[in-house]
Every structure is written in C-alpha cells, then in structure tokens.
Amino acid sequence: MKQSSRYLVLLLIATLLVFFPLKASAQSGAYFGVMGGYSFSPDATWDLAPYSFDLDVKETWMLGFKIGYNFPQMKYFSVEFEYSYMNPDIDRTILAQAGSDFVAIEGDATLHNFMFNFIARYPEGKFHPYFGVGIGFSQFDVTGTLTGRIGGVTQTPVYDEGDDTPFAWQILAGIDFELSKNWTIDLGYRYFATNPDFSRSEIDYKTSMVTLGLKYYF
C-alpha cells in the first residue's frame, strides 16, 4: 500500500512538471497591482492612563494598490510600495459599570496605510510562493460617541481623539499564479500592526487579513 502511494505521488509530480515545467518565470521588472481583502480577528487596546480597555473592533474590508519591481539580477527578491485603506467600526464597548450606571464608547476608525514591502519569492514555474515584511506608516483617525448614565442621567458626548501617523509593520505570505507573461493572480495573508499615540490616549491595533490581488507586469 505504501509503495502504491509512493508511485501515485511520483506520478502526480511528473504530471505537474509536464504541465508546469520548472523554468524561470518570464515575469521581471516593474509591475502594478490592485488588491482587495478582508480583515479578521482584529485586536485593539485603548490605553487611557491609568486605565486600559479592550475595544470591540469589527472585521472590515480592505482595498489598495501596489507598485513593485522584480530584480532580473536577483530573481528571488522584489520590493513594493503599497497603499491600503481600511475603515473598521468600533462596536459598543462598556468601559466601566457600577449598578445601573455605566460608561460606553462606540465609533469608527479610518486607516490609510503606506508601506514598503520586501519580498522573497520563488521564481521558478507558474506558481511562486512568497514571504515578506513591510514597514511604513498609517494615517489613523478615530472618532466615537461616549454614552454614559451616571446617577440616572444619560449623556452622549462626541469623543474625537483626532488623528496620528504612527509607524506600522506587517508580515506577508502567499502565492502568485501566472496567468500569462504579463498577468498574475496573488492570493495572500498578512498580519498588520500599528500603535497611534494621541494627546490623551493611544491605541494598539493589530489584525490579520486575507487578500486577493491582480498584478500586471510592464
């Protein structure tokens, strides 16, 4: 049984090599790409000294584009400039509660992310697994509404923290599939993090994302 399985695996590998021979990709040089994605398992901590609160940040969509370059002399490496946009909602989060009195916050955040990615990419055949890291900054704006009931009196002031442009980083992994000499589909995963520091507080924001993109090589 084990020998039959071994022969089956060898036959599958041989078939893949016939249809997708391991020759160097013809794709190199500059490229432009667009992408969409979905942010899942977000985590956000709001530090309002001396207190710290876990915010209920919702999953959200991501859209963006990238400009990159595959080096013909170093076919395993490429660099990219990437822009992405996210607009996660902050669901109603209870900050403090005592009996019938409470303080809660809800609102939304807007992120404009500008990243430089450094990619290691397997260059042979039609399928190109890759792994990379990205560094840059995120223009992070957050607004919310505080809801409070203290002594039976309800108040709902608007809470506007303003915006900050902190350092941001991400880890990327995925696979490119060549459709033709010029076109490639990109399926990826990334882990993104940033930490805006406002005048009165700061937010530690992290999220995972799955992305699907299309790249064109010039």
Protein backbone atom coordinates (compact mmCIF):
# COMPACT_ATOMS: atom_id res chain seq x y z
CA MET A 1 0.00 0.00 0.00
CA LYS A 2 2.86 2.36 0.90
CA GLN A 3 4.63 1.54 -2.37
CA SER A 4 1.45 2.27 -4.38
CA SER A 5 1.08 5.63 -2.60
CA ARG A 6 4.71 6.45 -3.41
CA TYR A 7 4.14 5.70 -7.10
CA LEU A 8 0.98 7.82 -7.07
CA VAL A 9 2.86 10.81 -5.60
CA LEU A 10 5.65 10.44 -8.19
CA LEU A 11 3.09 10.26 -10.98
CA LEU A 12 1.39 13.42 -9.68
CA ILE A 13 4.73 15.29 -9.52
CA ALA A 14 5.62 14.14 -13.04
CA THR A 15 2.23 15.30 -14.35
CA LEU A 16 2.68 18.74 -12.73
CA LEU A 17 6.15 19.05 -14.24
CA VAL A 18 4.73 18.31 -17.69
CA PHE A 19 2.06 20.99 -17.44
CA PHE A 20 4.06 23.46 -15.30
CA PRO A 21 7.76 22.88 -16.09
CA LEU A 22 10.22 24.36 -13.59
CA LYS A 23 11.72 27.03 -15.76
CA ALA A 24 12.46 30.57 -14.68
CA SER A 25 9.49 32.90 -14.81
CA ALA A 26 9.41 35.33 -17.71
CA GLN A 27 7.98 37.94 -15.36
CA SER A 28 10.50 40.51 -14.19
CA GLY A 29 10.85 44.25 -13.98
CA ALA A 30 8.19 46.73 -12.90
CA TYR A 31 4.59 45.82 -12.11
CA PHE A 32 1.37 47.42 -10.90
CA GLY A 33 -1.26 45.66 -8.83
CA VAL A 34 -4.65 46.14 -7.24
CA MET A 35 -5.99 44.16 -4.31
CA GLY A 36 -8.90 43.63 -2.03
CA GLY A 37 -9.03 41.82 1.25
CA TYR A 38 -10.84 41.09 4.46
CA SER A 39 -9.58 41.86 7.95
CA PHE A 40 -10.38 39.23 10.58
CA SER A 41 -9.60 38.67 14.27
CA PRO A 42 -8.83 42.36 14.92
CA ASP A 43 -7.46 43.26 18.33
CA ALA A 44 -7.41 46.80 19.74
CA THR A 45 -6.41 48.04 23.18
CA TRP A 46 -7.24 51.61 24.18
CA ASP A 47 -4.84 52.97 26.80
CA LEU A 48 -6.28 55.96 28.64
CA ALA A 49 -3.84 56.39 31.50
CA PRO A 50 -4.02 54.96 34.04
CA TYR A 51 -6.67 52.64 32.50
CA SER A 52 -6.60 50.17 29.63
CA PHE A 53 -9.65 48.91 27.72
CA ASP A 54 -10.15 46.19 25.11
CA LEU A 55 -12.18 47.70 22.27
CA ASP A 56 -14.66 45.60 20.28
CA VAL A 57 -13.37 46.37 16.78
CA LYS A 58 -15.31 44.76 13.94
CA GLU A 59 -13.94 42.91 10.92
CA THR A 60 -13.76 45.02 7.79
CA TRP A 61 -12.84 45.15 4.10
CA MET A 62 -9.51 46.39 2.78
CA LEU A 63 -8.74 47.93 -0.64
CA GLY A 64 -5.41 49.02 -2.06
CA PHE A 65 -2.84 49.09 -4.82
CA LYS A 66 0.89 48.49 -5.17
CA ILE A 67 3.81 49.38 -7.41
CA GLY A 68 6.72 46.96 -7.39
CA TYR A 69 9.85 45.71 -9.09
CA ASN A 70 11.26 42.20 -9.56
CA PHE A 71 15.01 42.39 -10.00
CA PRO A 72 16.22 40.38 -13.04
CA GLN A 73 19.69 40.14 -11.46
CA MET A 74 18.23 38.91 -8.13
CA LYS A 75 15.24 36.92 -9.30
CA TYR A 76 14.34 35.77 -5.78
CA PHE A 77 13.70 39.29 -4.50
CA SER A 78 11.31 42.17 -5.16
CA VAL A 79 10.37 45.45 -3.50
CA GLU A 80 6.97 47.18 -3.39
CA PHE A 81 5.33 50.41 -2.41
CA GLU A 82 1.79 49.72 -1.23
CA TYR A 83 -1.23 51.79 -0.22
CA SER A 84 -4.28 50.31 1.52
CA TYR A 85 -7.46 51.65 3.10
CA MET A 86 -9.49 50.24 5.99
CA ASN A 87 -12.48 51.61 7.90
CA PRO A 88 -13.25 49.33 10.89
CA ASP A 89 -16.21 50.05 13.16
CA ILE A 90 -15.78 50.16 16.92
CA ASP A 91 -18.79 48.35 18.32
CA ARG A 92 -20.36 49.44 21.60
CA THR A 93 -17.84 48.67 24.34
CA ILE A 94 -18.60 49.02 28.06
CA LEU A 95 -15.67 50.81 29.70
CA ALA A 96 -16.99 50.89 33.27
CA GLN A 97 -20.16 49.82 35.05
CA ALA A 98 -21.49 50.09 38.59
CA GLY A 99 -25.08 49.02 39.15
CA SER A 100 -27.25 50.82 36.61
CA ASP A 101 -24.56 53.42 35.89
CA PHE A 102 -22.12 52.83 33.05
CA VAL A 103 -19.79 54.43 30.52
CA ALA A 104 -19.55 53.01 26.98
CA ILE A 105 -17.94 54.02 23.69
CA GLU A 106 -18.64 53.27 20.03
CA GLY A 107 -17.49 54.80 16.75
CA ASP A 108 -15.18 54.07 13.86
CA ALA A 109 -11.56 54.33 12.74
CA THR A 110 -10.09 55.19 9.35
CA LEU A 111 -6.67 53.87 8.30
CA HIS A 112 -4.64 55.00 5.29
CA ASN A 113 -1.60 52.70 5.21
CA PHE A 114 1.59 53.47 3.26
CA MET A 115 4.01 50.53 3.28
CA PHE A 116 7.31 49.46 1.74
CA ASN A 117 7.38 45.66 1.31
CA PHE A 118 10.47 43.48 0.88
CA ILE A 119 9.55 40.15 -0.72
CA ALA A 120 11.41 36.84 -1.09
CA ARG A 121 9.74 34.97 -3.98
CA TYR A 122 10.37 31.56 -5.54
CA PRO A 123 10.90 32.40 -9.23
CA GLU A 124 10.55 29.02 -10.99
CA GLY A 125 7.47 27.65 -12.78
CA LYS A 126 3.98 29.13 -12.77
CA PHE A 127 3.41 29.13 -9.01
CA HIS A 128 5.51 31.49 -6.88
CA PRO A 129 5.26 31.15 -3.09
CA TYR A 130 6.49 34.25 -1.30
CA PHE A 131 7.24 35.63 2.13
CA GLY A 132 7.89 39.23 3.07
CA VAL A 133 7.93 42.00 5.62
CA GLY A 134 6.63 45.54 5.30
CA ILE A 135 7.37 48.76 7.16
CA GLY A 136 5.81 52.19 6.81
CA PHE A 137 3.23 54.35 8.48
CA SER A 138 -0.53 54.55 8.94
CA GLN A 139 -2.63 57.70 9.00
CA PHE A 140 -5.00 56.65 11.78
CA ASP A 141 -8.13 58.68 12.59
CA VAL A 142 -10.69 57.68 15.22
CA THR A 143 -13.96 59.24 16.32
CA GLY A 144 -16.51 57.91 18.74
CA THR A 145 -19.50 58.60 20.94
CA LEU A 146 -19.33 58.17 24.69
CA THR A 147 -22.57 57.00 26.25
CA GLY A 148 -22.89 57.37 29.99
CA ARG A 149 -25.55 57.05 32.64
CA ILE A 150 -24.47 58.46 35.96
CA GLY A 151 -26.98 58.97 38.76
CA GLY A 152 -29.82 58.16 36.35
CA VAL A 153 -28.80 60.91 33.88
CA THR A 154 -27.79 59.76 30.36
CA GLN A 155 -25.22 61.72 28.34
CA THR A 156 -23.83 61.08 24.83
CA PRO A 157 -20.94 63.45 24.09
CA VAL A 158 -18.97 63.02 20.88
CA TYR A 159 -15.44 61.82 21.57
CA ASP A 160 -12.99 62.86 18.83
CA GLU A 161 -9.44 61.71 19.51
CA GLY A 162 -8.18 63.23 16.25
CA ASP A 163 -5.55 61.53 14.15
CA ASP A 164 -1.96 60.35 14.28
CA THR A 165 0.52 58.93 11.75
CA PRO A 166 2.44 56.22 13.61
CA PHE A 167 4.90 53.58 12.47
CA ALA A 168 3.25 50.44 11.05
CA TRP A 169 4.56 47.00 10.14
CA GLN A 170 3.28 43.81 8.56
CA ILE A 171 4.27 40.23 7.73
CA LEU A 172 3.16 38.81 4.38
CA ALA A 173 2.92 35.31 2.91
CA GLY A 174 1.14 33.89 -0.09
CA ILE A 175 1.40 32.56 -3.62
CA ASP A 176 1.43 34.14 -7.09
CA PHE A 177 -0.04 32.27 -10.06
CA GLU A 178 0.96 33.34 -13.57
CA LEU A 179 -1.95 33.71 -15.97
CA SER A 180 0.31 34.93 -18.78
CA LYS A 181 3.61 36.70 -19.30
CA ASN A 182 2.05 39.95 -18.06
CA TRP A 183 -0.73 38.96 -15.64
CA THR A 184 -0.55 37.32 -12.21
CA ILE A 185 -3.13 36.48 -9.54
CA ASP A 186 -1.93 36.95 -5.96
CA LEU A 187 -3.53 35.12 -3.01
CA GLY A 188 -2.06 36.21 0.31
CA TYR A 189 -2.19 36.51 4.08
CA ARG A 190 -0.81 39.35 6.18
CA TYR A 191 -0.54 40.37 9.81
CA PHE A 192 -0.70 44.14 10.28
CA ALA A 193 0.01 46.25 13.37
CA THR A 194 0.22 49.92 14.31
CA ASN A 195 0.11 51.99 17.50
CA PRO A 196 -1.27 55.56 17.19
CA ASP A 197 -0.48 57.87 20.10
CA PHE A 198 -2.98 60.69 20.62
CA SER A 199 -2.81 63.62 23.00
CA ARG A 200 -4.80 61.87 25.73
CA SER A 201 -4.53 58.19 24.87
CA GLU A 202 -3.12 55.59 22.49
CA ILE A 203 -4.47 52.57 20.63
CA ASP A 204 -2.62 49.32 19.98
CA TYR A 205 -4.24 47.90 16.81
CA LYS A 206 -3.46 44.51 15.24
CA THR A 207 -5.29 42.45 12.65
CA SER A 208 -4.94 39.52 10.25
CA MET A 209 -6.01 39.83 6.61
CA VAL A 210 -6.62 37.59 3.62
CA THR A 211 -6.09 39.31 0.26
CA LEU A 212 -6.72 38.65 -3.42
CA GLY A 213 -4.90 40.73 -6.00
CA LEU A 214 -4.15 41.11 -9.69
CA LYS A 215 -0.75 42.26 -10.96
CA TYR A 216 0.34 43.48 -14.39
CA TYR A 217 4.00 43.33 -15.48
CA PHE A 218 5.13 46.01 -17.89
